[in-house]
Amino acid sequence: MSGFESIVQDHGTALLAYATRLCRGDRHRAEDVVQETWMRAWRNLDRLTEDRGSVRGWLFRVAHNVAVDQHRHRQARPAEVELPDTDPTLVPEPDDQVLQRIVVGAALSALPARHRATLVHVYFADRTAAATARALDIPLGTVKSRLHNALRTLRSSDFRDDLAA
């Protein structure tokens, strides 16, 4: 029997019992802690001799550290959320897309041409304000003010009332 096998045989039951207490009775987490502890023991087999200190003490300390690390990892992970009843990956219905195109088209056509062109370059062509300025051959500040004015117009209640009519 190898040195590692004798360590597992001598301390395995006690280590699992200790890990189970550390994990508040959760056997699956305790087994994960023990498995990681055995991996670290295997990597440090040359250190695990009684003349260098208690092997069981070393194993228990490693198991404790692993359990604490796992607990901290679970705490740092974002909370899981309930999935909505509808599948968010579903493709919108074609009639919804048609309706959106009609509304967006009407909104864009109601804007002044220079505002519409700026808005299309930035939001539909996914360009930066600087790239839009170069493409339209206008100053950067003009692009920003046209975007601001176009969005303000689209957000205004009078404008939305005109579209609904």
N, C-alpha and C. Protein backbone atom coordinates (compact mmCIF):
# COMPACT_ATOMS: atom_id res chain seq x y z
N MET A 1 0.86 -1.17 0.00
CA MET A 1 0.00 0.00 0.00
C MET A 1 0.91 1.23 0.00
N SER A 2 0.58 2.21 -0.88
CA SER A 2 1.41 3.42 -0.98
C SER A 2 1.16 4.34 0.21
N GLY A 3 2.00 5.33 0.33
CA GLY A 3 1.87 6.29 1.42
C GLY A 3 0.56 7.05 1.37
N PHE A 4 0.17 7.41 0.17
CA PHE A 4 -1.08 8.16 0.03
C PHE A 4 -2.28 7.30 0.40
N GLU A 5 -2.28 6.05 -0.06
CA GLU A 5 -3.39 5.15 0.27
C GLU A 5 -3.51 4.93 1.76
N SER A 6 -2.39 4.85 2.45
CA SER A 6 -2.46 4.65 3.91
C SER A 6 -2.98 5.90 4.61
N ILE A 7 -2.64 7.07 4.08
CA ILE A 7 -3.17 8.32 4.66
C ILE A 7 -4.68 8.38 4.47
N VAL A 8 -5.14 8.03 3.29
CA VAL A 8 -6.58 8.03 3.02
C VAL A 8 -7.29 7.03 3.93
N GLN A 9 -6.70 5.85 4.08
CA GLN A 9 -7.31 4.82 4.91
C GLN A 9 -7.33 5.25 6.39
N ASP A 10 -6.25 5.87 6.86
CA ASP A 10 -6.15 6.25 8.27
C ASP A 10 -7.04 7.45 8.62
N HIS A 11 -7.21 8.40 7.68
CA HIS A 11 -7.86 9.67 8.02
C HIS A 11 -9.13 9.97 7.22
N GLY A 12 -9.47 9.13 6.26
CA GLY A 12 -10.60 9.40 5.36
C GLY A 12 -11.92 9.56 6.07
N THR A 13 -12.26 8.63 6.96
CA THR A 13 -13.55 8.68 7.65
C THR A 13 -13.65 9.92 8.53
N ALA A 14 -12.60 10.20 9.29
CA ALA A 14 -12.60 11.36 10.18
C ALA A 14 -12.66 12.66 9.38
N LEU A 15 -11.97 12.70 8.24
CA LEU A 15 -11.96 13.91 7.41
C LEU A 15 -13.35 14.18 6.84
N LEU A 16 -14.03 13.13 6.38
CA LEU A 16 -15.38 13.33 5.85
C LEU A 16 -16.34 13.77 6.95
N ALA A 17 -16.22 13.21 8.13
CA ALA A 17 -17.08 13.62 9.25
C ALA A 17 -16.83 15.08 9.60
N TYR A 18 -15.56 15.49 9.63
CA TYR A 18 -15.21 16.88 9.93
C TYR A 18 -15.75 17.83 8.85
N ALA A 19 -15.58 17.45 7.58
CA ALA A 19 -16.06 18.29 6.48
C ALA A 19 -17.58 18.39 6.49
N THR A 20 -18.25 17.31 6.87
CA THR A 20 -19.71 17.34 6.96
C THR A 20 -20.17 18.32 8.03
N ARG A 21 -19.46 18.37 9.15
CA ARG A 21 -19.79 19.35 10.19
C ARG A 21 -19.50 20.77 9.69
N LEU A 22 -18.39 20.95 8.98
CA LEU A 22 -18.07 22.27 8.44
C LEU A 22 -19.15 22.76 7.47
N CYS A 23 -19.72 21.83 6.72
CA CYS A 23 -20.72 22.17 5.70
C CYS A 23 -22.14 22.05 6.24
N ARG A 24 -22.27 22.03 7.55
CA ARG A 24 -23.57 22.00 8.23
C ARG A 24 -24.46 20.86 7.75
N GLY A 25 -23.85 19.69 7.59
CA GLY A 25 -24.60 18.49 7.25
C GLY A 25 -24.82 18.27 5.76
N ASP A 26 -24.36 19.17 4.92
CA ASP A 26 -24.54 19.00 3.47
C ASP A 26 -23.48 18.02 2.97
N ARG A 27 -23.89 16.79 2.76
CA ARG A 27 -22.97 15.71 2.40
C ARG A 27 -22.27 15.97 1.06
N HIS A 28 -23.00 16.53 0.09
CA HIS A 28 -22.41 16.78 -1.23
C HIS A 28 -21.31 17.83 -1.15
N ARG A 29 -21.55 18.90 -0.42
CA ARG A 29 -20.50 19.92 -0.26
C ARG A 29 -19.32 19.35 0.51
N ALA A 30 -19.62 18.55 1.51
CA ALA A 30 -18.56 17.95 2.30
C ALA A 30 -17.68 17.05 1.42
N GLU A 31 -18.29 16.30 0.54
CA GLU A 31 -17.52 15.44 -0.36
C GLU A 31 -16.65 16.28 -1.30
N ASP A 32 -17.16 17.43 -1.73
CA ASP A 32 -16.36 18.33 -2.56
C ASP A 32 -15.15 18.85 -1.79
N VAL A 33 -15.38 19.20 -0.51
CA VAL A 33 -14.29 19.68 0.34
C VAL A 33 -13.24 18.58 0.51
N VAL A 34 -13.69 17.38 0.79
CA VAL A 34 -12.77 16.26 0.99
C VAL A 34 -11.99 15.97 -0.30
N GLN A 35 -12.67 15.99 -1.43
CA GLN A 35 -11.99 15.73 -2.70
C GLN A 35 -10.88 16.76 -2.93
N GLU A 36 -11.19 18.03 -2.71
CA GLU A 36 -10.17 19.06 -2.90
C GLU A 36 -9.03 18.90 -1.89
N THR A 37 -9.37 18.50 -0.68
CA THR A 37 -8.35 18.26 0.34
C THR A 37 -7.42 17.13 -0.09
N TRP A 38 -7.99 16.04 -0.63
CA TRP A 38 -7.16 14.93 -1.10
C TRP A 38 -6.28 15.36 -2.27
N MET A 39 -6.80 16.23 -3.14
CA MET A 39 -5.98 16.71 -4.26
C MET A 39 -4.77 17.49 -3.74
N ARG A 40 -5.00 18.33 -2.74
CA ARG A 40 -3.90 19.11 -2.18
C ARG A 40 -2.93 18.20 -1.42
N ALA A 41 -3.48 17.18 -0.77
CA ALA A 41 -2.62 16.24 -0.06
C ALA A 41 -1.73 15.50 -1.05
N TRP A 42 -2.29 15.09 -2.17
CA TRP A 42 -1.52 14.39 -3.19
C TRP A 42 -0.37 15.26 -3.70
N ARG A 43 -0.67 16.55 -3.92
CA ARG A 43 0.36 17.47 -4.41
C ARG A 43 1.44 17.74 -3.36
N ASN A 44 1.10 17.58 -2.08
CA ASN A 44 2.05 17.86 -1.00
C ASN A 44 2.40 16.60 -0.21
N LEU A 45 2.41 15.48 -0.87
CA LEU A 45 2.64 14.20 -0.21
C LEU A 45 3.96 14.16 0.54
N ASP A 46 4.99 14.83 0.02
CA ASP A 46 6.29 14.82 0.69
C ASP A 46 6.24 15.53 2.04
N ARG A 47 5.29 16.43 2.26
CA ARG A 47 5.14 17.13 3.54
C ARG A 47 4.37 16.34 4.58
N LEU A 48 3.60 15.36 4.14
CA LEU A 48 2.69 14.65 5.03
C LEU A 48 3.37 13.49 5.72
N THR A 49 4.21 13.81 6.66
CA THR A 49 4.86 12.81 7.51
C THR A 49 4.69 13.25 8.95
N GLU A 50 4.59 12.28 9.83
CA GLU A 50 4.37 12.59 11.25
C GLU A 50 5.54 13.36 11.86
N ASP A 51 6.74 13.20 11.31
CA ASP A 51 7.88 13.93 11.87
C ASP A 51 7.82 15.42 11.51
N ARG A 52 6.99 15.80 10.55
CA ARG A 52 6.83 17.21 10.19
C ARG A 52 5.57 17.80 10.80
N GLY A 53 4.87 17.05 11.64
CA GLY A 53 3.65 17.52 12.28
C GLY A 53 2.52 16.54 12.04
N SER A 54 1.41 16.82 12.65
CA SER A 54 0.25 15.94 12.57
C SER A 54 -0.34 15.95 11.16
N VAL A 55 -0.42 14.77 10.57
CA VAL A 55 -1.02 14.65 9.23
C VAL A 55 -2.50 14.99 9.32
N ARG A 56 -3.18 14.47 10.34
CA ARG A 56 -4.61 14.75 10.49
C ARG A 56 -4.84 16.24 10.70
N GLY A 57 -4.00 16.88 11.49
CA GLY A 57 -4.12 18.32 11.71
C GLY A 57 -3.98 19.09 10.40
N TRP A 58 -3.01 18.67 9.57
CA TRP A 58 -2.80 19.31 8.28
C TRP A 58 -4.03 19.13 7.39
N LEU A 59 -4.55 17.91 7.34
CA LEU A 59 -5.72 17.63 6.52
C LEU A 59 -6.94 18.43 6.98
N PHE A 60 -7.14 18.51 8.30
CA PHE A 60 -8.28 19.26 8.83
C PHE A 60 -8.14 20.75 8.53
N ARG A 61 -6.92 21.29 8.63
CA ARG A 61 -6.69 22.71 8.35
C ARG A 61 -6.97 22.99 6.87
N VAL A 62 -6.50 22.11 5.99
CA VAL A 62 -6.75 22.29 4.56
C VAL A 62 -8.25 22.19 4.28
N ALA A 63 -8.94 21.22 4.87
CA ALA A 63 -10.38 21.07 4.68
C ALA A 63 -11.11 22.32 5.16
N HIS A 64 -10.70 22.86 6.29
CA HIS A 64 -11.31 24.09 6.80
C HIS A 64 -11.13 25.23 5.81
N ASN A 65 -9.90 25.40 5.30
CA ASN A 65 -9.63 26.47 4.34
C ASN A 65 -10.44 26.29 3.05
N VAL A 66 -10.55 25.06 2.59
CA VAL A 66 -11.32 24.79 1.38
C VAL A 66 -12.80 25.13 1.61
N ALA A 67 -13.34 24.72 2.75
CA ALA A 67 -14.74 25.00 3.06
C ALA A 67 -14.99 26.50 3.13
N VAL A 68 -14.08 27.24 3.75
CA VAL A 68 -14.23 28.70 3.83
C VAL A 68 -14.17 29.31 2.43
N ASP A 69 -13.22 28.86 1.61
CA ASP A 69 -13.11 29.37 0.24
C ASP A 69 -14.39 29.11 -0.56
N GLN A 70 -14.92 27.91 -0.43
CA GLN A 70 -16.15 27.58 -1.15
C GLN A 70 -17.32 28.43 -0.67
N HIS A 71 -17.40 28.65 0.64
CA HIS A 71 -18.47 29.49 1.19
C HIS A 71 -18.35 30.91 0.65
N ARG A 72 -17.15 31.46 0.65
CA ARG A 72 -16.94 32.82 0.14
C ARG A 72 -17.27 32.90 -1.34
N HIS A 73 -16.92 31.87 -2.08
CA HIS A 73 -17.21 31.84 -3.51
C HIS A 73 -18.72 31.87 -3.75
N ARG A 74 -19.46 31.10 -2.98
CA ARG A 74 -20.92 31.09 -3.12
C ARG A 74 -21.51 32.44 -2.75
N GLN A 75 -20.95 33.11 -1.75
CA GLN A 75 -21.47 34.40 -1.33
C GLN A 75 -21.19 35.49 -2.36
N ALA A 76 -20.07 35.36 -3.07
CA ALA A 76 -19.70 36.37 -4.07
C ALA A 76 -20.46 36.21 -5.37
N ARG A 77 -21.04 35.06 -5.58
CA ARG A 77 -21.77 34.79 -6.81
C ARG A 77 -23.09 35.56 -6.80
N PRO A 78 -23.50 36.12 -7.92
CA PRO A 78 -24.78 36.86 -7.96
C PRO A 78 -25.95 35.94 -7.62
N ALA A 79 -26.95 36.52 -7.02
CA ALA A 79 -28.14 35.76 -6.66
C ALA A 79 -28.85 35.29 -7.91
N GLU A 80 -29.37 34.09 -7.85
CA GLU A 80 -30.12 33.57 -8.98
C GLU A 80 -31.51 34.17 -8.97
N VAL A 81 -32.05 34.42 -10.14
CA VAL A 81 -33.36 35.03 -10.25
C VAL A 81 -34.33 34.07 -10.93
N GLU A 82 -35.57 34.29 -10.67
CA GLU A 82 -36.63 33.47 -11.26
C GLU A 82 -36.77 33.84 -12.73
N LEU A 83 -36.87 32.83 -13.59
CA LEU A 83 -37.05 33.09 -15.01
C LEU A 83 -38.49 33.51 -15.28
N PRO A 84 -38.68 34.41 -16.24
CA PRO A 84 -40.05 34.82 -16.56
C PRO A 84 -40.84 33.66 -17.17
N ASP A 85 -42.15 33.79 -17.15
CA ASP A 85 -43.01 32.74 -17.72
C ASP A 85 -42.83 32.61 -19.22
N THR A 86 -42.55 33.72 -19.88
CA THR A 86 -42.33 33.66 -21.33
C THR A 86 -40.84 33.51 -21.60
N ASP A 87 -40.53 32.90 -22.70
CA ASP A 87 -39.14 32.67 -23.09
C ASP A 87 -38.57 33.94 -23.71
N PRO A 88 -37.56 34.57 -23.05
CA PRO A 88 -37.02 35.82 -23.58
C PRO A 88 -36.22 35.63 -24.88
N THR A 89 -35.91 34.39 -25.22
CA THR A 89 -35.14 34.15 -26.44
C THR A 89 -36.03 34.00 -27.67
N LEU A 90 -37.33 34.02 -27.47
CA LEU A 90 -38.23 33.87 -28.61
C LEU A 90 -38.11 35.06 -29.55
N VAL A 91 -38.22 34.80 -30.81
CA VAL A 91 -38.18 35.85 -31.82
C VAL A 91 -39.54 36.55 -31.81
N PRO A 92 -39.54 37.89 -31.89
CA PRO A 92 -40.83 38.59 -31.90
C PRO A 92 -41.69 38.15 -33.09
N GLU A 93 -42.95 38.23 -32.90
CA GLU A 93 -43.88 37.88 -33.98
C GLU A 93 -43.65 38.82 -35.16
N PRO A 94 -43.80 38.32 -36.38
CA PRO A 94 -43.59 39.17 -37.55
C PRO A 94 -44.49 40.40 -37.57
N ASP A 95 -45.73 40.25 -37.09
CA ASP A 95 -46.62 41.42 -37.10
C ASP A 95 -46.14 42.48 -36.12
N ASP A 96 -45.48 42.08 -35.02
CA ASP A 96 -44.90 43.05 -34.10
C ASP A 96 -43.77 43.81 -34.77
N GLN A 97 -42.96 43.10 -35.54
CA GLN A 97 -41.86 43.74 -36.24
C GLN A 97 -42.38 44.72 -37.29
N VAL A 98 -43.44 44.35 -37.98
CA VAL A 98 -44.02 45.24 -38.98
C VAL A 98 -44.55 46.50 -38.32
N LEU A 99 -45.24 46.31 -37.21
CA LEU A 99 -45.79 47.46 -36.48
C LEU A 99 -44.67 48.37 -35.98
N GLN A 100 -43.61 47.78 -35.46
CA GLN A 100 -42.47 48.58 -35.00
C GLN A 100 -41.85 49.36 -36.15
N ARG A 101 -41.70 48.71 -37.30
CA ARG A 101 -41.13 49.40 -38.47
C ARG A 101 -42.01 50.57 -38.90
N ILE A 102 -43.31 50.39 -38.86
CA ILE A 102 -44.23 51.47 -39.25
C ILE A 102 -44.09 52.64 -38.29
N VAL A 103 -44.09 52.35 -36.99
CA VAL A 103 -44.01 53.41 -35.98
C VAL A 103 -42.67 54.13 -36.06
N VAL A 104 -41.58 53.36 -36.14
CA VAL A 104 -40.25 53.97 -36.22
C VAL A 104 -40.11 54.76 -37.51
N GLY A 105 -40.59 54.20 -38.61
CA GLY A 105 -40.53 54.91 -39.89
C GLY A 105 -41.29 56.22 -39.85
N ALA A 106 -42.48 56.20 -39.26
CA ALA A 106 -43.28 57.42 -39.15
C ALA A 106 -42.57 58.44 -38.26
N ALA A 107 -41.99 57.97 -37.17
CA ALA A 107 -41.29 58.88 -36.26
C ALA A 107 -40.09 59.51 -36.96
N LEU A 108 -39.33 58.70 -37.67
CA LEU A 108 -38.15 59.23 -38.36
C LEU A 108 -38.54 60.19 -39.48
N SER A 109 -39.59 59.87 -40.22
CA SER A 109 -39.98 60.73 -41.32
C SER A 109 -40.52 62.08 -40.84
N ALA A 110 -40.99 62.14 -39.61
CA ALA A 110 -41.49 63.40 -39.07
C ALA A 110 -40.37 64.31 -38.59
N LEU A 111 -39.15 63.77 -38.47
CA LEU A 111 -38.01 64.60 -38.04
C LEU A 111 -37.45 65.38 -39.22
N PRO A 112 -36.81 66.51 -38.95
CA PRO A 112 -36.10 67.21 -40.02
C PRO A 112 -35.02 66.30 -40.60
N ALA A 113 -34.72 66.44 -41.88
CA ALA A 113 -33.79 65.55 -42.58
C ALA A 113 -32.43 65.48 -41.91
N ARG A 114 -31.90 66.62 -41.46
CA ARG A 114 -30.56 66.59 -40.86
C ARG A 114 -30.56 65.85 -39.53
N HIS A 115 -31.65 65.98 -38.76
CA HIS A 115 -31.76 65.24 -37.49
C HIS A 115 -31.92 63.75 -37.75
N ARG A 116 -32.75 63.42 -38.75
CA ARG A 116 -32.99 62.01 -39.10
C ARG A 116 -31.69 61.34 -39.55
N ALA A 117 -30.93 62.02 -40.40
CA ALA A 117 -29.67 61.45 -40.90
C ALA A 117 -28.70 61.19 -39.76
N THR A 118 -28.60 62.13 -38.84
CA THR A 118 -27.70 61.98 -37.70
C THR A 118 -28.14 60.81 -36.82
N LEU A 119 -29.43 60.74 -36.57
CA LEU A 119 -29.98 59.66 -35.73
C LEU A 119 -29.74 58.30 -36.38
N VAL A 120 -29.94 58.20 -37.67
CA VAL A 120 -29.75 56.93 -38.39
C VAL A 120 -28.29 56.51 -38.34
N HIS A 121 -27.38 57.45 -38.53
CA HIS A 121 -25.95 57.11 -38.48
C HIS A 121 -25.54 56.58 -37.11
N VAL A 122 -26.01 57.23 -36.05
CA VAL A 122 -25.56 56.86 -34.70
C VAL A 122 -26.26 55.60 -34.21
N TYR A 123 -27.59 55.53 -34.33
CA TYR A 123 -28.32 54.43 -33.71
C TYR A 123 -28.54 53.23 -34.63
N PHE A 124 -28.72 53.44 -35.91
CA PHE A 124 -28.98 52.32 -36.79
C PHE A 124 -27.72 51.79 -37.45
N ALA A 125 -26.77 52.68 -37.74
CA ALA A 125 -25.49 52.24 -38.32
C ALA A 125 -24.46 51.99 -37.23
N ASP A 126 -24.83 52.25 -35.97
CA ASP A 126 -23.99 51.99 -34.80
C ASP A 126 -22.62 52.67 -34.92
N ARG A 127 -22.66 53.94 -35.26
CA ARG A 127 -21.43 54.72 -35.35
C ARG A 127 -21.30 55.61 -34.13
N THR A 128 -20.08 55.97 -33.82
CA THR A 128 -19.84 56.94 -32.75
C THR A 128 -20.19 58.32 -33.26
N ALA A 129 -20.28 59.27 -32.34
CA ALA A 129 -20.56 60.65 -32.74
C ALA A 129 -19.43 61.18 -33.63
N ALA A 130 -18.20 60.82 -33.31
CA ALA A 130 -17.05 61.29 -34.10
C ALA A 130 -17.10 60.69 -35.51
N ALA A 131 -17.43 59.41 -35.64
CA ALA A 131 -17.52 58.78 -36.95
C ALA A 131 -18.67 59.38 -37.75
N THR A 132 -19.76 59.69 -37.09
CA THR A 132 -20.90 60.32 -37.77
C THR A 132 -20.51 61.71 -38.27
N ALA A 133 -19.77 62.45 -37.46
CA ALA A 133 -19.31 63.78 -37.86
C ALA A 133 -18.46 63.70 -39.12
N ARG A 134 -17.58 62.71 -39.17
CA ARG A 134 -16.75 62.53 -40.37
C ARG A 134 -17.60 62.12 -41.57
N ALA A 135 -18.54 61.21 -41.37
CA ALA A 135 -19.37 60.72 -42.47
C ALA A 135 -20.27 61.82 -43.03
N LEU A 136 -20.79 62.67 -42.17
CA LEU A 136 -21.69 63.73 -42.62
C LEU A 136 -20.95 65.04 -42.91
N ASP A 137 -19.65 65.05 -42.61
CA ASP A 137 -18.81 66.23 -42.83
C ASP A 137 -19.34 67.45 -42.07
N ILE A 138 -19.62 67.23 -40.78
CA ILE A 138 -20.08 68.30 -39.90
C ILE A 138 -19.29 68.23 -38.60
N PRO A 139 -19.25 69.32 -37.82
CA PRO A 139 -18.52 69.30 -36.56
C PRO A 139 -19.14 68.33 -35.55
N LEU A 140 -18.30 67.82 -34.65
CA LEU A 140 -18.75 66.88 -33.62
C LEU A 140 -19.84 67.50 -32.75
N GLY A 141 -19.69 68.74 -32.37
CA GLY A 141 -20.70 69.41 -31.55
C GLY A 141 -22.05 69.48 -32.23
N THR A 142 -22.03 69.62 -33.54
CA THR A 142 -23.29 69.66 -34.30
C THR A 142 -23.97 68.29 -34.25
N VAL A 143 -23.19 67.24 -34.36
CA VAL A 143 -23.76 65.88 -34.26
C VAL A 143 -24.43 65.72 -32.90
N LYS A 144 -23.74 66.13 -31.85
CA LYS A 144 -24.30 65.95 -30.50
C LYS A 144 -25.56 66.78 -30.31
N SER A 145 -25.57 68.00 -30.80
CA SER A 145 -26.78 68.82 -30.63
C SER A 145 -27.93 68.30 -31.47
N ARG A 146 -27.65 67.80 -32.68
CA ARG A 146 -28.72 67.24 -33.51
C ARG A 146 -29.30 65.98 -32.86
N LEU A 147 -28.44 65.15 -32.29
CA LEU A 147 -28.94 63.97 -31.58
C LEU A 147 -29.82 64.36 -30.41
N HIS A 148 -29.34 65.32 -29.64
CA HIS A 148 -30.09 65.78 -28.47
C HIS A 148 -31.47 66.29 -28.90
N ASN A 149 -31.48 67.14 -29.92
CA ASN A 149 -32.75 67.72 -30.37
C ASN A 149 -33.67 66.66 -30.97
N ALA A 150 -33.12 65.72 -31.74
CA ALA A 150 -33.94 64.66 -32.33
C ALA A 150 -34.57 63.80 -31.25
N LEU A 151 -33.78 63.40 -30.26
CA LEU A 151 -34.33 62.56 -29.18
C LEU A 151 -35.34 63.32 -28.34
N ARG A 152 -35.09 64.59 -28.10
CA ARG A 152 -36.05 65.41 -27.34
C ARG A 152 -37.36 65.50 -28.11
N THR A 153 -37.27 65.65 -29.41
CA THR A 153 -38.48 65.71 -30.24
C THR A 153 -39.24 64.39 -30.18
N LEU A 154 -38.52 63.28 -30.31
CA LEU A 154 -39.17 61.97 -30.28
C LEU A 154 -39.82 61.68 -28.92
N ARG A 155 -39.24 62.21 -27.86
CA ARG A 155 -39.78 61.97 -26.52
C ARG A 155 -40.97 62.87 -26.18
N SER A 156 -41.12 63.95 -26.89
CA SER A 156 -42.15 64.92 -26.53
C SER A 156 -43.54 64.31 -26.72
N SER A 157 -44.45 64.66 -25.81
CA SER A 157 -45.81 64.11 -25.87
C SER A 157 -46.56 64.64 -27.09
N ASP A 158 -46.31 65.88 -27.51
CA ASP A 158 -46.98 66.43 -28.69
C ASP A 158 -46.62 65.60 -29.92
N PHE A 159 -45.36 65.23 -30.03
CA PHE A 159 -44.90 64.46 -31.17
C PHE A 159 -45.57 63.09 -31.18
N ARG A 160 -45.63 62.44 -30.01
CA ARG A 160 -46.26 61.11 -29.93
C ARG A 160 -47.75 61.19 -30.24
N ASP A 161 -48.38 62.29 -29.84
CA ASP A 161 -49.81 62.46 -30.17
C ASP A 161 -50.01 62.60 -31.67
N ASP A 162 -49.08 63.30 -32.34
CA ASP A 162 -49.16 63.46 -33.79
C ASP A 162 -49.02 62.10 -34.49
N LEU A 163 -48.13 61.25 -33.98
CA LEU A 163 -47.94 59.93 -34.57
C LEU A 163 -49.18 59.05 -34.40
N ALA A 164 -49.83 59.17 -33.26
CA ALA A 164 -51.00 58.34 -32.97
C ALA A 164 -52.19 58.73 -33.85
N ALA A 165 -52.22 59.97 -34.29
CA ALA A 165 -53.37 60.45 -35.08
C ALA A 165 -53.41 59.93 -36.48
